[in-house]
Amino acid sequence: MIRSVVEMISPTVDFLVLLYSFALVVSYVLMGGLAFYGLIRYIAKNKSTNYNAIFYSDSLEPSVSVIASCYNESLTIVDCLHSLLTLRYDNYEVIVVNDGSKDNTLEKVCEEFELEKIDYFIHERIPTKQVRGVYKSRNKAYYNLIVVDKENGGKADAMNAGFNISTRLYAVCIDVDSVLAPDALLKLVKPIIESSMSVVASVGGAVHVANGCLLRRGTLVEKKVPANYMVRMQIIEYLRTFLIGRIAFGKINGLMLVSGALGIFRKDLVLEVGGYRTQSIGEDMELIIRIRKYLYEHKMRHRVVYIPEPLLWTEVPSSGTILERQRTRWSRGLIDTLRLHKNVFFNRRYGVLGMVSFPYFVFFEWLAPFVEVLGMIYVALLIFCGMIQWKVYLFLFVFMYLFGVCFSFLGIFLSEMTYPVYNSKKDLMKLYLTSFTEIFFYHPRIVYWALKGNWMYLRGQNKWGDMVRQGFNKQ
């Protein structure tokens, strides 16, 4: 009975497997080519850029609010704020929103930066949880620091409170488990200054892993690859994502995600669409799609730009337990966003976003784990029924394995070719060797967590989950 069913479906399944594999390989090859071309063009265009012209020009330098939300971030908050307060930029303010932390985050900030509670008018253009107080420093060195203490409402609600407080034209949204490069704001605003033919709705920057690196008062003084296997694999993931995927989609103006760790937005557009959606788990992607839909529907030429330079360093999960919470949340966020904006799918009205980016995320991000598991079940049935064509399936496995390794190699190579991060050859060798193990020890967990995220979403489990930090210099 089982054999007859397998014989009946085998031609169709074989065709679909080959079609999906071919489409995946072609899309990755195209992304790799676009990324290489885009990176070379970016370097050629920016190698002689004089950022001093922006820094010393009041007319060029747009006003910026740097907004960071924090919840139980006492281990990293002080380093992060020292980094933010020493940025090479003149016309900016730093807004930190304490989202009802249960640890001593607020106390540490108040002590370190000599804060006192003040009366402050808040124009609540986006509804948020109650603000309990606004703090400013008695020390004039920190004149541009504003700390907001509010009831817990989640990251999206905290960021919306930051938008309400903000008095500047643009807003940079970052995570407080991160450290910005000193010239990050200058590089983020450059595409905005240069654009005259279209609206720059948002600019995103490359994010690198800070685990294992040494920081002193918010400044990176040593960069190295840690011994932790989970962290090394995430370094490779980040290089693939930020130096291949984001560059490629940015090149065709198809970005539908700017990392929540680092992105600059036109504040008026954020307010116009109602800020972050507090019910969403993937609030970063959801906001970008909502802003772009608004611009498409109002027939406004626009771009979402990506900068491939390493502008921010962030702490990533170093244990399987914390990484699982992050990845199941990412999976739930992806599903939620795709469901909310399903009318974008293959919709010409939304240009490249609707015809390329959204379908890619549906087929190769959301559906990929299901395809993999169904493929493994199908191969198991073929083996059970004695119908497996070993040469064909071994060739397909080896090809996809080596293709995946080469794709990881490309991410590492592009990083070192353009904006070298790790100076030690030993560190680079660690990353290259780790790439060979991904499919056996790391990728199966990612697939499992993605499937678990889908199951959790169907069951209505939409909580973030606590992201426990180790703090910088302790990896």
Protein backbone atom coordinates (compact mmCIF):
# COMPACT_ATOMS: atom_id res chain seq x y z
CA MET A 1 0.00 0.00 0.00
CA ILE A 2 2.70 2.49 1.03
CA ARG A 3 4.86 1.55 -1.95
CA SER A 4 2.00 2.08 -4.40
CA VAL A 5 1.28 5.52 -2.95
CA VAL A 6 4.96 6.48 -3.12
CA GLU A 7 5.16 5.22 -6.73
CA MET A 8 2.14 7.36 -7.61
CA ILE A 9 3.45 10.60 -6.07
CA SER A 10 7.13 10.06 -6.81
CA PRO A 11 7.29 11.77 -10.27
CA THR A 12 5.46 14.85 -8.99
CA VAL A 13 7.49 15.10 -5.78
CA ASP A 14 10.79 14.59 -7.61
CA PHE A 15 9.89 17.40 -10.00
CA LEU A 16 8.88 19.75 -7.18
CA VAL A 17 12.07 18.99 -5.20
CA LEU A 18 14.26 19.72 -8.22
CA LEU A 19 12.26 22.85 -9.07
CA TYR A 20 12.50 24.21 -5.52
CA SER A 21 16.21 23.40 -5.27
CA PHE A 22 16.88 25.01 -8.66
CA ALA A 23 14.92 28.15 -7.72
CA LEU A 24 16.75 28.39 -4.40
CA VAL A 25 20.18 28.04 -6.00
CA VAL A 26 19.35 30.56 -8.74
CA SER A 27 18.06 33.10 -6.20
CA TYR A 28 21.19 32.70 -4.07
CA VAL A 29 23.50 33.02 -7.09
CA LEU A 30 21.68 36.17 -8.18
CA MET A 31 21.91 37.59 -4.65
CA GLY A 32 25.62 36.78 -4.47
CA GLY A 33 26.24 38.50 -7.81
CA LEU A 34 24.18 41.56 -6.87
CA ALA A 35 25.88 41.76 -3.49
CA PHE A 36 29.37 41.61 -5.02
CA TYR A 37 28.47 44.25 -7.60
CA GLY A 38 26.72 46.46 -5.05
CA LEU A 39 29.60 46.24 -2.60
CA ILE A 40 32.20 47.15 -5.23
CA ARG A 41 30.07 50.10 -6.38
CA TYR A 42 29.56 51.28 -2.80
CA ILE A 43 33.29 51.20 -2.04
CA ALA A 44 34.17 53.01 -5.27
CA LYS A 45 31.56 55.68 -4.58
CA ASN A 46 32.46 56.27 -0.95
CA LYS A 47 36.23 55.75 -0.76
CA SER A 48 36.92 59.47 -1.09
CA THR A 49 33.88 60.75 0.81
CA ASN A 50 34.69 63.64 3.10
CA TYR A 51 32.43 63.10 6.11
CA ASN A 52 33.88 66.24 7.67
CA ALA A 53 31.83 68.21 5.15
CA ILE A 54 28.69 66.80 6.75
CA PHE A 55 29.96 67.05 10.31
CA TYR A 56 30.96 70.71 10.05
CA SER A 57 27.95 71.83 8.00
CA ASP A 58 24.79 72.94 9.81
CA SER A 59 22.86 72.94 6.54
CA LEU A 60 23.83 69.39 5.57
CA GLU A 61 23.57 67.64 8.92
CA PRO A 62 19.89 66.72 9.55
CA SER A 63 18.65 66.60 13.12
CA VAL A 64 18.51 63.08 14.56
CA SER A 65 17.06 61.39 17.65
CA VAL A 66 18.78 58.15 18.64
CA ILE A 67 16.11 56.05 20.36
CA ALA A 68 16.88 52.91 22.37
CA SER A 69 14.49 50.86 24.45
CA CYS A 70 15.71 48.74 27.33
CA TYR A 71 14.28 46.09 29.60
CA ASN A 72 16.52 44.51 32.24
CA GLU A 73 19.70 45.62 30.44
CA SER A 74 21.84 46.56 33.45
CA LEU A 75 24.82 44.57 32.11
CA THR A 76 25.15 46.51 28.84
CA ILE A 77 23.30 49.81 29.28
CA VAL A 78 26.22 51.92 30.55
CA ASP A 79 28.60 50.80 27.77
CA CYS A 80 25.89 51.41 25.20
CA LEU A 81 25.14 54.92 26.44
CA HIS A 82 28.79 55.93 26.55
CA SER A 83 28.99 54.77 22.94
CA LEU A 84 25.91 56.81 21.97
CA LEU A 85 27.03 59.96 23.75
CA THR A 86 30.41 60.03 22.01
CA LEU A 87 29.14 59.73 18.43
CA ARG A 88 30.80 61.95 15.86
CA TYR A 89 27.72 64.01 15.13
CA ASP A 90 26.58 67.41 16.27
CA ASN A 91 22.83 67.78 15.81
CA TYR A 92 21.47 64.81 17.74
CA GLU A 93 19.86 63.72 20.99
CA VAL A 94 19.85 60.35 22.75
CA ILE A 95 16.53 59.03 24.08
CA VAL A 96 16.62 55.90 26.24
CA VAL A 97 13.28 54.38 27.19
CA ASN A 98 13.32 52.16 30.27
CA ASP A 99 10.40 49.83 29.61
CA GLY A 100 9.56 48.94 33.21
CA SER A 101 12.80 47.07 33.94
CA LYS A 102 12.71 44.84 37.01
CA ASP A 103 16.45 45.00 37.60
CA ASN A 104 18.59 48.05 38.44
CA THR A 105 18.87 49.37 34.85
CA LEU A 106 17.37 52.77 35.69
CA GLU A 107 19.38 53.13 38.90
CA LYS A 108 22.67 52.39 37.10
CA VAL A 109 21.91 54.95 34.41
CA CYS A 110 20.88 57.60 36.94
CA GLU A 111 24.06 57.07 38.94
CA GLU A 112 26.46 56.93 35.99
CA PHE A 113 25.06 59.97 34.19
CA GLU A 114 23.92 62.07 37.18
CA LEU A 115 20.25 62.11 36.23
CA GLU A 116 17.39 63.90 37.92
CA LYS A 117 13.67 63.76 37.28
CA ILE A 118 12.23 66.80 35.48
CA ASP A 119 8.91 68.13 34.21
CA TYR A 120 8.73 67.42 30.49
CA PHE A 121 5.91 67.99 28.01
CA ILE A 122 5.09 64.89 25.95
CA HIS A 123 3.03 65.19 22.78
CA GLU A 124 1.44 61.74 22.69
CA ARG A 125 0.95 61.32 18.97
CA ILE A 126 1.14 57.54 19.36
CA PRO A 127 -0.72 55.97 22.33
CA THR A 128 1.63 54.17 24.76
CA LYS A 129 1.72 52.78 28.27
CA GLN A 130 1.97 55.41 30.98
CA VAL A 131 5.22 57.36 31.27
CA ARG A 132 6.30 57.47 34.91
CA GLY A 133 9.04 60.06 34.56
CA VAL A 134 11.54 61.84 32.34
CA TYR A 135 15.15 62.34 33.44
CA LYS A 136 17.93 64.72 32.37
CA SER A 137 21.52 64.98 33.55
CA ARG A 138 22.85 67.63 35.93
CA ASN A 139 26.18 67.26 34.11
CA LYS A 140 26.37 69.51 31.02
CA ALA A 141 28.54 66.92 29.29
CA TYR A 142 25.39 64.84 28.88
CA TYR A 143 23.09 67.68 27.80
CA ASN A 144 21.64 65.68 24.90
CA LEU A 145 20.63 62.63 26.97
CA ILE A 146 16.97 62.02 27.82
CA VAL A 147 15.91 58.98 29.84
CA VAL A 148 12.24 57.97 29.89
CA ASP A 149 10.85 55.62 32.53
CA LYS A 150 7.53 53.98 31.66
CA GLU A 151 5.32 51.04 32.46
CA ASN A 152 6.22 47.83 30.66
CA GLY A 153 4.56 47.53 27.28
CA GLY A 154 7.13 45.74 25.14
CA LYS A 155 9.78 46.99 22.76
CA ALA A 156 7.36 48.43 20.18
CA ASP A 157 5.50 50.42 22.85
CA ALA A 158 8.79 51.72 24.27
CA MET A 159 10.02 52.83 20.86
CA ASN A 160 6.71 54.61 20.25
CA ALA A 161 7.22 56.49 23.52
CA GLY A 162 10.62 57.51 22.18
CA PHE A 163 9.03 58.84 18.99
CA ASN A 164 6.60 60.89 21.10
CA ILE A 165 9.50 62.42 23.04
CA SER A 166 11.66 63.03 19.97
CA THR A 167 12.08 66.58 18.70
CA ARG A 168 14.19 65.82 15.61
CA LEU A 169 13.43 65.15 11.93
CA TYR A 170 14.91 61.66 11.81
CA ALA A 171 14.99 58.84 14.33
CA VAL A 172 17.66 56.16 14.64
CA CYS A 173 16.33 53.04 16.37
CA ILE A 174 18.88 50.77 18.03
CA ASP A 175 19.10 47.99 20.61
CA VAL A 176 20.87 48.74 23.89
CA ASP A 177 22.80 45.47 23.79
CA SER A 178 24.82 47.16 21.04
CA VAL A 179 27.65 49.61 20.43
CA LEU A 180 27.56 52.08 17.54
CA ALA A 181 30.62 53.01 15.51
CA PRO A 182 31.61 56.65 16.23
CA ASP A 183 30.81 57.80 12.67
CA ALA A 184 27.64 55.70 12.28
CA LEU A 185 25.23 58.66 12.13
CA LEU A 186 27.30 60.45 9.48
CA LYS A 187 27.19 57.36 7.28
CA LEU A 188 23.49 56.73 7.90
CA VAL A 189 22.45 60.27 6.91
CA LYS A 190 24.66 60.43 3.78
CA PRO A 191 22.12 58.63 1.50
CA ILE A 192 19.41 60.96 2.82
CA ILE A 193 21.46 64.07 2.01
CA GLU A 194 22.35 62.77 -1.46
CA SER A 195 18.79 61.84 -2.45
CA SER A 196 16.87 64.47 -4.42
CA MET A 197 14.69 62.40 -6.74
CA SER A 198 12.98 60.15 -4.18
CA VAL A 199 12.06 59.85 -0.52
CA VAL A 200 14.55 57.90 1.61
CA ALA A 201 12.14 56.23 4.00
CA SER A 202 14.77 54.36 5.96
CA VAL A 203 18.46 53.47 5.99
CA GLY A 204 19.83 50.31 7.56
CA GLY A 205 23.42 49.43 8.41
CA ALA A 206 25.51 46.30 8.81
CA VAL A 207 25.43 44.64 12.22
CA HIS A 208 28.34 42.59 13.57
CA VAL A 209 28.65 40.30 16.59
CA ALA A 210 30.26 41.83 19.69
CA ASN A 211 30.60 38.59 21.69
CA GLY A 212 34.24 37.97 22.47
CA CYS A 213 35.25 41.54 21.71
CA LEU A 214 36.77 43.85 24.28
CA LEU A 215 35.09 47.16 25.08
CA ARG A 216 36.22 50.09 27.19
CA ARG A 217 33.64 52.78 28.05
CA GLY A 218 31.57 52.02 24.98
CA THR A 219 34.49 51.75 22.52
CA LEU A 220 35.61 48.54 20.84
CA VAL A 221 39.33 48.09 21.41
CA GLU A 222 39.74 44.45 20.34
CA LYS A 223 37.74 42.27 17.93
CA LYS A 224 38.06 38.52 17.95
CA VAL A 225 36.10 35.35 17.19
CA PRO A 226 34.97 33.65 20.42
CA ALA A 227 35.37 29.95 21.20
CA ASN A 228 31.59 29.50 21.66
CA TYR A 229 30.29 27.47 18.69
CA MET A 230 26.80 29.01 18.73
CA VAL A 231 28.27 32.50 18.57
CA ARG A 232 30.64 31.57 15.71
CA MET A 233 27.74 30.25 13.67
CA GLN A 234 25.80 33.45 14.27
CA ILE A 235 28.79 35.49 13.08
CA ILE A 236 28.67 33.56 9.80
CA GLU A 237 24.90 34.04 9.60
CA TYR A 238 25.23 37.79 10.14
CA LEU A 239 27.92 38.06 7.45
CA ARG A 240 25.73 36.17 4.98
CA THR A 241 22.66 38.21 5.83
CA PHE A 242 24.17 41.67 5.98
CA LEU A 243 26.81 41.32 3.25
CA ILE A 244 24.79 39.30 0.74
CA GLY A 245 21.04 39.31 1.36
CA ARG A 246 20.59 42.93 2.47
CA ILE A 247 22.95 44.36 -0.17
CA ALA A 248 21.21 42.40 -2.92
CA PHE A 249 17.69 43.45 -1.95
CA GLY A 250 18.87 47.01 -1.37
CA LYS A 251 20.37 47.11 -4.86
CA ILE A 252 16.95 46.42 -6.44
CA ASN A 253 15.13 48.65 -3.90
CA GLY A 254 13.39 45.60 -2.50
CA LEU A 255 14.28 45.79 1.19
CA MET A 256 11.36 44.88 3.44
CA LEU A 257 13.40 44.68 6.62
CA VAL A 258 15.75 47.06 8.39
CA SER A 259 17.30 45.44 11.44
CA GLY A 260 15.80 46.55 14.73
CA ALA A 261 19.37 46.79 16.01
CA LEU A 262 20.15 49.70 13.67
CA GLY A 263 17.97 51.76 11.35
CA ILE A 264 17.19 55.41 10.65
CA PHE A 265 13.65 56.49 9.75
CA ARG A 266 11.95 59.64 8.59
CA LYS A 267 10.03 60.40 11.74
CA ASP A 268 7.06 62.01 9.98
CA LEU A 269 6.46 58.78 8.04
CA VAL A 270 6.60 56.71 11.22
CA LEU A 271 4.06 59.00 12.89
CA GLU A 272 1.87 59.04 9.77
CA VAL A 273 1.48 55.24 9.79
CA GLY A 274 0.98 55.07 13.57
CA GLY A 275 4.40 53.95 14.78
CA TYR A 276 5.36 50.41 15.66
CA ARG A 277 2.49 47.95 15.90
CA THR A 278 2.50 46.87 19.55
CA GLN A 279 0.63 43.62 18.84
CA SER A 280 3.27 42.51 16.36
CA ILE A 281 6.16 40.20 17.25
CA GLY A 282 8.19 41.16 14.16
CA GLU A 283 7.68 44.88 14.61
CA ASP A 284 10.79 45.89 12.62
CA MET A 285 9.79 44.18 9.37
CA GLU A 286 6.12 45.07 9.85
CA LEU A 287 6.87 48.80 10.18
CA ILE A 288 9.01 48.90 7.04
CA ILE A 289 6.35 47.11 4.99
CA ARG A 290 3.62 49.41 6.34
CA ILE A 291 5.65 52.53 5.51
CA ARG A 292 6.45 51.25 2.02
CA LYS A 293 2.81 50.33 1.37
CA TYR A 294 1.81 53.85 2.40
CA LEU A 295 4.35 55.38 0.00
CA TYR A 296 3.36 53.09 -2.87
CA GLU A 297 -0.34 53.80 -2.31
CA HIS A 298 0.35 57.56 -2.36
CA LYS A 299 2.49 57.11 -5.49
CA MET A 300 5.57 58.55 -3.83
CA ARG A 301 8.93 57.51 -5.27
CA HIS A 302 10.98 56.17 -2.43
CA ARG A 303 13.92 54.03 -1.41
CA VAL A 304 14.99 51.96 1.56
CA VAL A 305 18.79 52.04 1.59
CA TYR A 306 21.31 49.61 3.04
CA ILE A 307 24.88 50.50 4.09
CA PRO A 308 27.29 47.51 4.10
CA GLU A 309 29.83 49.06 6.47
CA PRO A 310 30.05 47.63 10.02
CA LEU A 311 28.28 50.40 11.93
CA LEU A 312 27.05 48.51 14.97
CA TRP A 313 28.21 45.66 17.19
CA THR A 314 25.65 43.68 19.12
CA GLU A 315 25.60 40.90 21.70
CA VAL A 316 24.00 37.71 20.36
CA PRO A 317 22.72 34.73 22.38
CA SER A 318 25.56 32.49 23.53
CA SER A 319 23.42 29.55 24.73
CA GLY A 320 21.04 27.28 22.88
CA THR A 321 18.20 28.13 25.27
CA ILE A 322 18.36 31.88 24.63
CA LEU A 323 18.99 31.41 20.91
CA GLU A 324 15.90 29.21 20.70
CA ARG A 325 13.77 31.98 22.24
CA GLN A 326 15.14 34.46 19.73
CA ARG A 327 14.65 32.24 16.68
CA THR A 328 11.14 31.07 17.58
CA ARG A 329 10.26 34.76 18.06
CA TRP A 330 11.75 35.64 14.67
CA SER A 331 9.72 32.85 13.09
CA ARG A 332 6.50 34.02 14.73
CA GLY A 333 7.26 37.59 13.70
CA LEU A 334 7.76 36.57 10.08
CA ILE A 335 4.49 34.65 9.95
CA ASP A 336 2.59 37.47 11.63
CA THR A 337 3.95 40.08 9.23
CA LEU A 338 3.34 37.99 6.12
CA ARG A 339 -0.23 37.32 7.28
CA LEU A 340 -0.94 40.97 8.09
CA HIS A 341 0.27 42.15 4.69
CA LYS A 342 -0.76 39.20 2.53
CA ASN A 343 -2.27 41.62 -0.03
CA VAL A 344 1.30 42.57 -1.02
CA PHE A 345 2.00 39.03 -2.31
CA PHE A 346 2.54 39.20 -6.10
CA ASN A 347 0.76 42.55 -6.20
CA ARG A 348 2.12 44.83 -8.97
CA ARG A 349 0.85 47.86 -7.11
CA TYR A 350 3.73 47.44 -4.66
CA GLY A 351 6.49 47.15 -7.26
CA VAL A 352 9.59 45.13 -6.39
CA LEU A 353 8.32 44.73 -2.83
CA GLY A 354 5.23 42.86 -4.03
CA MET A 355 6.66 41.01 -7.01
CA VAL A 356 10.09 39.94 -5.71
CA SER A 357 10.82 40.53 -2.01
CA PHE A 358 7.54 39.40 -0.47
CA PRO A 359 7.35 36.16 -2.55
CA TYR A 360 10.99 35.42 -1.69
CA PHE A 361 10.27 35.64 2.02
CA VAL A 362 7.19 33.44 1.61
CA PHE A 363 8.88 30.68 -0.40
CA PHE A 364 12.46 30.70 0.89
CA GLU A 365 12.15 32.03 4.45
CA TRP A 366 8.76 30.92 5.77
CA LEU A 367 8.18 27.71 3.76
CA ALA A 368 11.80 26.50 3.66
CA PRO A 369 11.70 24.56 6.99
CA PHE A 370 8.52 22.76 5.93
CA VAL A 371 10.02 21.85 2.57
CA GLU A 372 13.15 20.48 4.25
CA VAL A 373 11.25 18.30 6.71
CA LEU A 374 8.83 17.02 4.06
CA GLY A 375 11.83 16.26 1.85
CA MET A 376 13.47 14.20 4.61
CA ILE A 377 10.22 12.29 5.20
CA TYR A 378 9.93 11.61 1.47
CA VAL A 379 13.52 10.30 1.26
CA ALA A 380 12.88 8.09 4.30
CA LEU A 381 9.83 6.61 2.53
CA LEU A 382 11.88 5.97 -0.61
CA ILE A 383 14.49 4.13 1.46
CA PHE A 384 11.81 2.16 3.28
CA CYS A 385 10.23 1.10 -0.02
CA GLY A 386 13.55 0.31 -1.67
CA MET A 387 12.94 2.97 -4.34
CA ILE A 388 15.74 5.39 -3.54
CA GLN A 389 18.02 6.40 -6.41
CA TRP A 390 21.15 6.79 -4.31
CA LYS A 391 23.33 8.41 -6.93
CA VAL A 392 20.78 11.12 -7.67
CA TYR A 393 20.02 12.00 -4.04
CA LEU A 394 23.64 11.77 -2.89
CA PHE A 395 24.63 14.11 -5.72
CA LEU A 396 21.84 16.54 -4.75
CA PHE A 397 22.86 16.41 -1.06
CA VAL A 398 26.58 16.95 -1.76
CA PHE A 399 25.82 19.75 -4.22
CA MET A 400 23.53 21.62 -1.81
CA TYR A 401 25.97 21.06 1.06
CA LEU A 402 28.95 22.46 -0.86
CA PHE A 403 26.81 25.29 -2.23
CA GLY A 404 25.84 26.28 1.32
CA VAL A 405 29.47 26.18 2.45
CA CYS A 406 30.53 28.31 -0.52
CA PHE A 407 27.79 30.83 0.29
CA SER A 408 29.13 31.12 3.83
CA PHE A 409 32.65 31.47 2.44
CA LEU A 410 31.42 34.28 0.21
CA GLY A 411 30.02 36.20 3.19
CA ILE A 412 33.32 35.89 5.10
CA PHE A 413 35.35 36.75 1.99
CA LEU A 414 33.29 39.87 1.16
CA SER A 415 33.69 41.07 4.73
CA GLU A 416 37.46 40.71 4.73
CA MET A 417 37.82 42.06 1.19
CA THR A 418 35.96 45.28 1.93
CA TYR A 419 35.69 46.18 5.61
CA PRO A 420 37.95 43.76 7.51
CA VAL A 421 36.67 42.95 10.96
CA TYR A 422 39.08 40.31 12.27
CA ASN A 423 42.81 40.86 11.90
CA SER A 424 43.91 37.41 13.04
CA LYS A 425 44.25 34.65 10.42
CA LYS A 426 43.44 32.21 13.20
CA ASP A 427 40.05 33.91 13.73
CA LEU A 428 39.27 33.74 10.02
CA MET A 429 40.24 30.08 9.88
CA LYS A 430 37.85 29.39 12.76
CA LEU A 431 35.00 30.88 10.74
CA TYR A 432 35.88 29.04 7.53
CA LEU A 433 36.17 25.68 9.34
CA THR A 434 32.95 26.30 11.28
CA SER A 435 31.11 26.75 7.95
CA PHE A 436 31.68 23.06 7.14
CA THR A 437 29.81 21.95 10.27
CA GLU A 438 26.68 24.08 9.92
CA ILE A 439 24.49 21.54 8.15
CA PHE A 440 25.20 18.86 10.76
CA PHE A 441 25.19 20.66 14.11
CA TYR A 442 23.55 24.08 13.69
CA HIS A 443 21.13 24.10 10.78
CA PRO A 444 18.92 21.26 12.11
CA ARG A 445 18.31 23.33 15.27
CA ILE A 446 17.40 26.39 13.20
CA VAL A 447 14.90 24.33 11.21
CA TYR A 448 13.41 22.83 14.38
CA TRP A 449 13.10 26.25 16.04
CA ALA A 450 11.44 27.69 12.92
CA LEU A 451 8.87 24.88 12.95
CA LYS A 452 8.38 25.33 16.69
CA GLY A 453 7.83 29.05 16.10
CA ASN A 454 5.08 28.23 13.60
CA TRP A 455 3.44 25.91 16.10
CA MET A 456 3.68 28.52 18.86
CA TYR A 457 2.11 31.11 16.59
CA LEU A 458 -0.81 28.81 15.76
CA ARG A 459 -1.34 28.27 19.50
CA GLY A 460 -1.33 32.01 20.15
CA GLN A 461 1.95 32.05 22.11
CA ASN A 462 3.12 35.52 21.20
CA LYS A 463 5.30 36.50 24.15
CA TRP A 464 8.83 37.70 23.44
CA GLY A 465 10.63 35.58 26.02
CA ASP A 466 13.45 36.92 28.19
CA MET A 467 16.76 37.54 26.43
CA VAL A 468 19.33 37.03 29.20
CA ARG A 469 22.56 38.97 28.59
CA GLN A 470 26.07 38.10 29.69
CA GLY A 471 27.34 41.62 29.10
CA PHE A 472 30.25 42.80 26.99
CA ASN A 473 33.78 41.52 27.74
CA LYS A 474 32.37 38.31 29.26
CA GLN A 475 31.98 36.03 26.27
